[in-house]
């Protein structure tokens, strides 16, 4: 629901933000002044996180060969002249809301989430590196998010709400301001790479999602099982669950480093006060009001927590470069009141901040191929309609 959860989907939430602003205008005479002020102020902050924070949220296990309509063949696209790290840019999806595309450990295929014509609620698909051979690997029911491969390539993991109902779970209204759903019906499942042999591996009350996998098969994920958004790890069968973070605020979207020794994630500790009270009250109602986010790194056991960014924007969807020293991520820190999210690179120690993309809309959910030769990401560039988000792949130039 937010990063690998936030993912849930960029285009949809941008549209919802617009609807929220219309709601504010039409309800101006009815609103309680203080509530309206908070809602209007937070709608701008929410836009920043909204686009990327849903791995807690973007896209069943039909086990088989159910596919969306045939995609157009990938095409080469012109790259902004400033995007010197990217060459040979190709668009892999065409139409709808597509995001959170992640490589298999062998670098030979991608898993991603999509909502498009014929797929009304986010579902998980796999495809080739050229956009071909798309295949439904989730159940086709409920809402799913954050698909990821296990190291052997024979199994996948993702979160789904389908046990809570086959229909799309309802989205919140705007009575509480601009908020995101944190569905308690999300649980984490594993399956064979074709979607068969579906197995539920979390059964606690509350939101469990945003699962990714380390090189040894260990899983790291986000959960509200203890009353707050915290990061946990577990074995691939759901055993040996360990809590890794313990501070008030929306910690989530974790990814292991290439050697499995560290974890990068987005979050922010909220100090005592009205904002924390609001955060806790909303979370009890399975809601979250997006705010500023920064990047953090910790050891795989949760120790040695350190902050990487201090940009005062919405920075999310971090992923490690294969060298294990640099982190690529999406942020609007250079445009905090707008919808322009670009990709940036920074060293683990917080130095060497560098802008990677310069597109005027949204670029997010970046992931390097295992050998570092390619970068895959989601973007609104070349969109043919409002909210359209597609998956792009480019060769990487260091």
Protein backbone atom coordinates (compact mmCIF):
# COMPACT_ATOMS: atom_id res chain seq x y z
CA UNK A 1 0.00 0.00 0.00
CA UNK A 2 2.76 2.27 0.29
CA UNK A 3 6.10 1.98 -1.62
CA UNK A 4 5.88 -1.38 -2.29
CA UNK A 5 2.48 -0.34 -0.83
CA UNK A 6 2.70 3.16 -1.90
CA UNK A 7 2.64 1.63 -5.12
CA UNK A 8 -1.02 1.22 -5.00
CA UNK A 9 -1.53 3.25 -7.66
CA UNK A 10 0.09 6.44 -8.64
CA UNK A 11 -2.40 7.52 -11.25
CA UNK A 12 -5.41 6.65 -9.12
CA UNK A 13 -4.22 8.68 -6.18
CA UNK A 14 -3.30 11.69 -8.28
CA UNK A 15 -6.86 11.65 -9.54
CA UNK A 16 -8.14 11.22 -5.98
CA UNK A 17 -6.09 14.23 -4.93
CA UNK A 18 -7.80 16.30 -7.61
CA UNK A 19 -11.18 15.00 -6.43
CA UNK A 20 -10.22 15.91 -2.87
CA UNK A 21 -9.56 19.50 -3.89
CA UNK A 22 -12.94 19.65 -5.61
CA UNK A 23 -14.52 18.19 -2.48
CA UNK A 24 -12.90 20.90 -0.36
CA UNK A 25 -14.27 23.59 -2.62
CA UNK A 26 -17.81 22.27 -2.68
CA UNK A 27 -17.87 21.60 1.07
CA UNK A 28 -16.26 24.87 2.09
CA UNK A 29 -19.38 26.21 3.79
CA UNK A 30 -19.92 22.97 5.74
CA UNK A 31 -16.40 22.22 6.87
CA UNK A 32 -15.11 22.84 10.37
CA UNK A 33 -12.42 25.52 9.82
CA UNK A 34 -9.65 23.66 11.63
CA UNK A 35 -10.36 20.41 9.84
CA UNK A 36 -10.48 22.09 6.45
CA UNK A 37 -7.18 23.83 7.12
CA UNK A 38 -5.52 20.52 7.99
CA UNK A 39 -7.06 18.79 5.00
CA UNK A 40 -5.97 21.51 2.55
CA UNK A 41 -2.46 21.68 3.98
CA UNK A 42 -2.00 17.92 4.03
CA UNK A 43 -3.39 17.45 0.52
CA UNK A 44 -0.19 18.97 -0.81
CA UNK A 45 1.99 16.78 1.37
CA UNK A 46 -0.14 13.81 0.45
CA UNK A 47 0.52 14.24 -3.24
CA UNK A 48 4.18 13.72 -2.63
CA UNK A 49 3.85 10.45 -0.86
CA UNK A 50 0.87 9.31 -2.70
CA UNK A 51 2.61 8.65 -5.86
CA UNK A 52 5.14 6.42 -4.39
CA UNK A 53 4.07 5.19 -1.11
CA UNK A 54 1.56 2.73 -2.07
CA UNK A 55 4.11 -1.16 -1.86
CA UNK A 56 2.00 -0.61 0.48
CA UNK A 57 -0.68 -0.31 -2.25
CA UNK A 58 -0.39 -0.50 -5.98
CA UNK A 59 -1.85 -3.79 -7.90
CA UNK A 60 -4.35 -13.49 -7.76
CA UNK A 61 -3.22 -16.57 -8.22
CA UNK A 62 -5.04 -17.74 -11.15
CA UNK A 63 -2.22 -20.15 -11.45
CA UNK A 64 -2.29 -19.83 -15.00
CA UNK A 65 -2.48 -18.17 -18.23
CA UNK A 66 -4.94 -15.36 -17.73
CA UNK A 67 -3.52 -12.31 -19.52
CA UNK A 68 -4.52 -8.69 -20.16
CA UNK A 69 -5.07 -7.49 -23.68
CA UNK A 70 -2.05 -7.83 -25.92
CA UNK A 71 0.36 -4.98 -25.26
CA UNK A 72 1.85 -2.98 -28.06
CA UNK A 73 5.48 -3.84 -28.75
CA UNK A 74 7.97 -1.79 -26.76
CA UNK A 75 9.27 1.30 -28.47
CA UNK A 76 12.36 3.39 -28.04
CA UNK A 77 11.80 6.84 -26.60
CA UNK A 78 13.77 10.04 -26.56
CA UNK A 79 15.54 10.72 -23.30
CA UNK A 80 15.81 14.15 -21.77
CA UNK A 81 19.22 15.55 -22.67
CA UNK A 82 20.08 15.91 -18.98
CA UNK A 83 19.47 12.22 -18.21
CA UNK A 84 23.06 11.24 -18.90
CA UNK A 85 22.86 8.00 -16.86
CA UNK A 86 20.12 6.59 -19.11
CA UNK A 87 20.38 5.38 -22.70
CA UNK A 88 18.18 3.27 -24.96
CA UNK A 89 14.98 4.05 -23.05
CA UNK A 90 12.12 1.64 -23.86
CA UNK A 91 8.47 1.73 -22.81
CA UNK A 92 7.20 -1.71 -21.72
CA UNK A 93 3.53 -1.06 -20.89
CA UNK A 94 0.97 1.05 -22.68
CA UNK A 95 -2.08 2.39 -20.87
CA UNK A 96 -3.54 2.04 -17.40
CA UNK A 97 -1.62 2.28 -14.13
CA UNK A 98 1.51 0.14 -14.09
CA UNK A 99 4.22 0.33 -11.44
CA UNK A 100 6.51 -1.46 -9.00
CA UNK A 101 8.29 -3.50 -11.65
CA UNK A 102 11.02 -5.60 -10.02
CA UNK A 103 13.62 -7.88 -11.59
CA UNK A 104 13.93 -11.59 -10.93
CA UNK A 105 17.26 -12.39 -9.27
CA UNK A 106 18.61 -13.71 -12.59
CA UNK A 107 17.64 -10.48 -14.33
CA UNK A 108 15.60 -12.28 -17.00
CA UNK A 109 12.03 -11.13 -16.21
CA UNK A 110 9.97 -8.59 -14.30
CA UNK A 111 7.07 -8.78 -11.88
CA UNK A 112 4.78 -5.73 -11.64
CA UNK A 113 1.35 -4.57 -10.62
CA UNK A 114 -1.25 -3.13 -12.94
CA UNK A 115 -4.72 -1.70 -13.18
CA UNK A 116 -5.94 -1.35 -16.75
CA UNK A 117 -8.87 -2.07 -19.04
CA UNK A 118 -10.28 -5.40 -17.96
CA UNK A 119 -8.30 -5.30 -14.69
CA UNK A 120 -10.28 -2.90 -12.45
CA UNK A 121 -8.33 -3.58 -9.25
CA UNK A 122 -4.54 -3.80 -8.92
CA UNK A 123 -3.21 -7.27 -9.78
CA UNK A 124 0.25 -8.82 -10.12
CA UNK A 125 1.68 -9.82 -13.51
CA UNK A 126 5.02 -11.00 -14.85
CA UNK A 127 6.53 -10.05 -18.21
CA UNK A 128 9.72 -10.28 -20.23
CA UNK A 129 12.28 -7.48 -20.35
CA UNK A 130 10.81 -6.37 -23.68
CA UNK A 131 7.25 -6.18 -22.30
CA UNK A 132 6.16 -9.45 -23.88
CA UNK A 133 4.64 -12.57 -22.32
CA UNK A 134 2.53 -10.79 -19.71
CA UNK A 135 0.93 -13.27 -17.33
CA UNK A 136 -1.46 -12.89 -14.39
CA UNK A 137 0.09 -14.49 -11.31
CA UNK A 138 -2.23 -13.19 -8.57
CA UNK A 139 -5.77 -14.43 -7.96
CA UNK A 140 -7.56 -11.74 -9.93
CA UNK A 141 -9.62 -10.96 -6.82
CA UNK A 142 -9.34 -8.18 -4.24
CA UNK A 143 -6.43 -5.74 -4.47
CA UNK A 144 -2.79 -6.75 -4.54
CA UNK A 145 0.53 -4.96 -4.12
CA UNK A 146 4.29 -5.47 -4.04
CA UNK A 147 5.08 -8.54 -6.09
CA UNK A 148 8.64 -9.87 -5.76
CA UNK A 149 10.61 -12.95 -6.83
CA UNK A 150 12.42 -15.35 -4.53
CA UNK A 151 16.10 -15.94 -5.40
CA UNK A 152 15.50 -19.28 -7.13
CA UNK A 153 13.03 -17.69 -9.56
CA UNK A 154 10.58 -20.53 -8.90
CA UNK A 155 8.44 -18.66 -6.36
CA UNK A 156 6.97 -15.19 -5.84
CA UNK A 157 5.57 -13.20 -2.94
CA UNK A 158 2.90 -10.48 -2.85
CA UNK A 159 0.19 -8.98 -0.63
CA UNK A 160 -3.52 -9.31 -1.33
CA UNK A 161 -6.91 -8.45 0.18
CA UNK A 162 -8.78 -11.26 -1.61
CA UNK A 163 -9.53 -13.21 1.56
CA UNK A 164 -11.45 -10.16 2.74
CA UNK A 165 -13.59 -10.15 -0.39
CA UNK A 166 -13.35 -10.70 -4.12
CA UNK A 167 -14.28 -7.11 -4.93
CA UNK A 168 -11.97 -4.11 -4.74
CA UNK A 169 -11.93 -2.86 -1.14
CA UNK A 170 -13.67 0.53 -0.80
CA UNK A 171 -11.59 3.68 -0.97
CA UNK A 172 -12.04 6.24 1.83
CA UNK A 173 -14.04 9.40 1.33
CA UNK A 174 -12.67 12.86 2.01
CA UNK A 175 -14.46 13.53 5.29
CA UNK A 176 -11.17 12.96 7.17
CA UNK A 177 -9.15 15.02 4.71
CA UNK A 178 -6.76 13.49 2.23
CA UNK A 179 -6.01 10.02 3.56
CA UNK A 180 -4.90 6.64 2.24
CA UNK A 181 -6.36 3.25 3.14
CA UNK A 182 -4.22 0.82 5.17
CA UNK A 183 -6.40 -2.23 4.60
CA UNK A 184 -6.38 -4.69 7.48
CA UNK A 185 -7.42 -7.33 4.94
CA UNK A 186 -3.96 -7.26 3.35
CA UNK A 187 -2.02 -10.45 4.02
CA UNK A 188 1.16 -11.77 2.44
CA UNK A 189 1.15 -14.83 0.17
CA UNK A 190 3.69 -16.92 -1.66
CA UNK A 191 3.08 -18.84 -4.87
CA UNK A 192 4.89 -20.61 -7.65
CA UNK A 193 6.14 -18.27 -10.36
CA UNK A 194 3.10 -19.12 -12.51
CA UNK A 195 0.70 -18.17 -9.70
CA UNK A 196 -0.19 -21.69 -8.61
CA UNK A 197 0.32 -23.22 -5.16
CA UNK A 198 -0.87 -20.12 -3.33
CA UNK A 199 0.09 -20.11 0.35
CA UNK A 200 -0.82 -17.55 3.01
CA UNK A 201 2.17 -16.79 5.27
CA UNK A 202 0.79 -14.01 7.53
CA UNK A 203 -2.33 -14.41 9.65
CA UNK A 204 -2.14 -11.63 12.23
CA UNK A 205 -4.78 -8.93 12.54
CA UNK A 206 -4.02 -5.75 10.63
CA UNK A 207 -2.16 -4.69 7.54
CA UNK A 208 0.67 -6.96 6.32
CA UNK A 209 2.22 -5.94 2.98
CA UNK A 210 5.25 -4.41 1.22
CA UNK A 211 7.20 -7.67 1.26
CA UNK A 212 10.54 -7.97 -0.53
CA UNK A 213 13.17 -10.72 -0.44
CA UNK A 214 16.89 -10.81 0.32
CA UNK A 215 19.56 -12.90 -1.43
CA UNK A 216 19.23 -15.67 1.18
CA UNK A 217 15.42 -15.82 0.87
CA UNK A 218 14.72 -13.85 4.05
CA UNK A 219 11.62 -11.64 3.73
CA UNK A 220 11.29 -8.07 5.00
CA UNK A 221 7.86 -6.42 5.17
CA UNK A 222 5.66 -3.73 6.73
CA UNK A 223 2.96 -4.50 9.30
CA UNK A 224 0.53 -2.75 11.65
CA UNK A 225 0.18 -5.87 13.83
CA UNK A 226 1.54 -4.03 16.88
CA UNK A 227 -0.47 -0.85 16.36
CA UNK A 228 1.98 1.14 14.23
CA UNK A 229 3.59 0.92 10.79
CA UNK A 230 6.77 -0.99 11.55
CA UNK A 231 9.23 -3.15 9.63
CA UNK A 232 9.59 -6.88 10.31
CA UNK A 233 11.51 -9.79 8.82
CA UNK A 234 10.60 -13.46 8.53
CA UNK A 235 11.53 -16.67 6.77
CA UNK A 236 10.01 -17.36 3.39
CA UNK A 237 7.41 -19.66 4.97
CA UNK A 238 6.27 -17.01 7.47
CA UNK A 239 8.17 -18.38 10.47
CA UNK A 240 10.69 -16.64 12.73
CA UNK A 241 9.06 -13.19 12.60
CA UNK A 242 11.26 -10.44 14.05
CA UNK A 243 10.37 -6.79 14.59
CA UNK A 244 13.12 -4.49 13.30
CA UNK A 245 11.86 -0.93 13.94
CA UNK A 246 10.21 0.54 16.99
CA UNK A 247 9.32 4.22 16.70
CA UNK A 248 6.07 6.12 16.04
CA UNK A 249 5.56 6.90 12.38
CA UNK A 250 5.11 5.36 8.92
CA UNK A 251 8.21 3.17 8.48
CA UNK A 252 7.96 0.88 5.46
CA UNK A 253 8.96 0.06 1.90
CA UNK A 254 12.08 -1.94 2.91
CA UNK A 255 14.66 -3.55 0.59
CA UNK A 256 17.70 -5.65 1.43
CA UNK A 257 21.14 -4.62 0.22
CA UNK A 258 22.72 -6.87 -2.46
CA UNK A 259 24.62 -8.87 0.18
CA UNK A 260 21.64 -9.02 2.55
CA UNK A 261 23.49 -7.29 5.40
CA UNK A 262 21.52 -4.02 5.40
CA UNK A 263 18.00 -2.72 4.77
CA UNK A 264 17.01 0.62 3.25
CA UNK A 265 13.52 2.01 3.86
CA UNK A 266 11.45 5.19 3.92
CA UNK A 267 9.84 6.64 7.00
CA UNK A 268 9.79 9.39 9.57
CA UNK A 269 9.59 9.38 13.33
CA UNK A 270 6.67 11.53 14.47
CA UNK A 271 7.26 13.34 17.78
CA UNK A 272 4.55 13.56 20.46
CA UNK A 273 1.90 16.14 19.67
CA UNK A 274 -1.16 16.76 17.50
CA UNK A 275 0.35 15.16 14.39
CA UNK A 276 1.11 11.93 16.23
CA UNK A 277 -2.35 11.92 17.81
CA UNK A 278 -3.90 12.33 14.36
CA UNK A 279 -1.67 9.60 12.93
CA UNK A 280 -2.64 7.10 15.65
CA UNK A 281 -6.35 7.91 15.42
CA UNK A 282 -6.38 7.43 11.66
CA UNK A 283 -4.40 4.20 11.83
CA UNK A 284 -7.03 2.73 14.16
CA UNK A 285 -9.48 3.39 11.32
CA UNK A 286 -7.16 1.77 8.75
CA UNK A 287 -6.19 5.16 7.33
CA UNK A 288 -3.00 7.17 6.93
CA UNK A 289 -2.46 10.83 6.06
CA UNK A 290 0.68 11.10 3.86
CA UNK A 291 3.38 13.43 5.13
CA UNK A 292 7.06 14.12 4.59
CA UNK A 293 9.32 11.07 4.27
CA UNK A 294 13.06 10.48 4.45
CA UNK A 295 15.31 7.49 3.77
CA UNK A 296 16.97 5.36 6.44
CA UNK A 297 19.35 2.39 6.55
CA UNK A 298 19.70 -0.23 9.26
CA UNK A 299 21.46 -3.54 9.66
CA UNK A 300 19.47 -6.64 8.71
CA UNK A 301 18.75 -7.31 12.40
CA UNK A 302 17.36 -3.79 12.96
CA UNK A 303 20.47 -2.41 14.62
CA UNK A 304 22.62 0.58 13.70
CA UNK A 305 19.73 2.70 12.38
CA UNK A 306 20.93 5.83 10.56
CA UNK A 307 19.26 8.53 8.48
CA UNK A 308 20.38 8.92 4.87
CA UNK A 309 18.41 11.91 3.56
CA UNK A 310 17.28 15.17 5.14
CA UNK A 311 15.49 16.78 2.22
CA UNK A 312 12.17 17.89 3.77
CA UNK A 313 10.18 16.43 0.90
CA UNK A 314 8.54 13.12 0.13
CA UNK A 315 11.37 10.70 -0.60
CA UNK A 316 10.42 7.06 -1.07
CA UNK A 317 10.93 3.84 -3.09
CA UNK A 318 14.65 3.47 -2.32
CA UNK A 319 16.66 0.69 -3.94
CA UNK A 320 20.32 -0.26 -3.71
CA UNK A 321 22.80 0.01 -6.56
CA UNK A 322 24.53 -3.38 -6.98
CA UNK A 323 27.72 -1.86 -5.51
CA UNK A 324 25.93 -1.78 -2.13
CA UNK A 325 27.10 1.79 -1.53
CA UNK A 326 24.64 3.95 -3.46
CA UNK A 327 20.84 4.22 -3.24
CA UNK A 328 18.44 5.35 -5.96
CA UNK A 329 15.06 6.75 -4.95
CA UNK A 330 12.13 8.97 -5.97
CA UNK A 331 11.51 12.39 -4.44
CA UNK A 332 9.78 15.71 -4.92
CA UNK A 333 12.10 17.55 -2.51
CA UNK A 334 13.02 19.94 -5.34
CA UNK A 335 9.30 20.57 -5.97
CA UNK A 336 7.61 19.90 -2.59
CA UNK A 337 4.26 21.48 -3.45
CA UNK A 338 3.92 19.83 -6.84
CA UNK A 339 3.60 16.48 -8.56
CA UNK A 340 7.06 16.44 -10.13
CA UNK A 341 8.85 13.41 -8.74
CA UNK A 342 12.27 12.60 -10.15
CA UNK A 343 14.83 9.90 -9.48
CA UNK A 344 17.90 10.73 -7.41
CA UNK A 345 21.02 8.85 -6.32
CA UNK A 346 22.78 9.24 -2.99
CA UNK A 347 25.51 7.41 -1.11
CA UNK A 348 24.58 5.46 2.00
CA UNK A 349 26.39 8.03 4.15
CA UNK A 350 24.16 10.82 2.77
CA UNK A 351 26.76 12.38 0.47
CA UNK A 352 26.89 12.67 -3.30
CA UNK A 353 23.24 13.53 -3.97
CA UNK A 354 22.68 13.49 -7.73
CA UNK A 355 19.56 13.95 -9.85
CA UNK A 356 19.04 11.13 -12.37
CA UNK A 357 15.81 11.98 -14.21
CA UNK A 358 14.52 15.39 -15.25
CA UNK A 359 11.08 14.55 -16.58
CA UNK A 360 8.44 17.13 -15.69
CA UNK A 361 5.90 14.69 -14.21
CA UNK A 362 6.35 11.53 -12.14
CA UNK A 363 9.27 9.07 -12.11
CA UNK A 364 9.32 6.48 -9.33
CA UNK A 365 9.84 2.89 -8.16
CA UNK A 366 13.34 2.47 -9.59
CA UNK A 367 15.22 -0.84 -9.52
CA UNK A 368 18.60 -1.79 -10.93
CA UNK A 369 19.09 -5.08 -12.75
CA UNK A 370 21.24 -7.47 -10.68
CA UNK A 371 24.33 -6.67 -12.76
CA UNK A 372 23.69 -2.90 -12.73
CA UNK A 373 23.47 -2.63 -16.51
CA UNK A 374 19.82 -1.56 -16.61
CA UNK A 375 17.31 0.50 -14.64
CA UNK A 376 13.56 -0.13 -14.62
CA UNK A 377 11.13 2.47 -13.27
CA UNK A 378 7.55 3.74 -13.51
CA UNK A 379 6.72 7.09 -15.08
CA UNK A 380 3.94 9.37 -16.30
CA UNK A 381 6.11 10.46 -19.23
CA UNK A 382 4.47 10.00 -22.65
CA UNK A 383 1.12 9.40 -20.94
CA UNK A 384 -1.87 9.49 -23.26
CA UNK A 385 -4.42 10.16 -20.51
CA UNK A 386 -4.64 11.62 -16.99
CA UNK A 387 -3.16 9.27 -14.41
CA UNK A 388 -1.60 6.88 -16.93
CA UNK A 389 1.58 5.36 -15.51
CA UNK A 390 3.81 2.99 -17.45
CA UNK A 391 6.91 0.87 -16.91
CA UNK A 392 10.13 1.95 -18.66
CA UNK A 393 13.53 0.31 -18.91
CA UNK A 394 16.86 1.91 -19.85
CA UNK A 395 20.50 0.98 -20.08
CA UNK A 396 22.50 2.46 -17.21
CA UNK A 397 25.65 4.53 -17.74
CA UNK A 398 27.77 5.11 -14.63
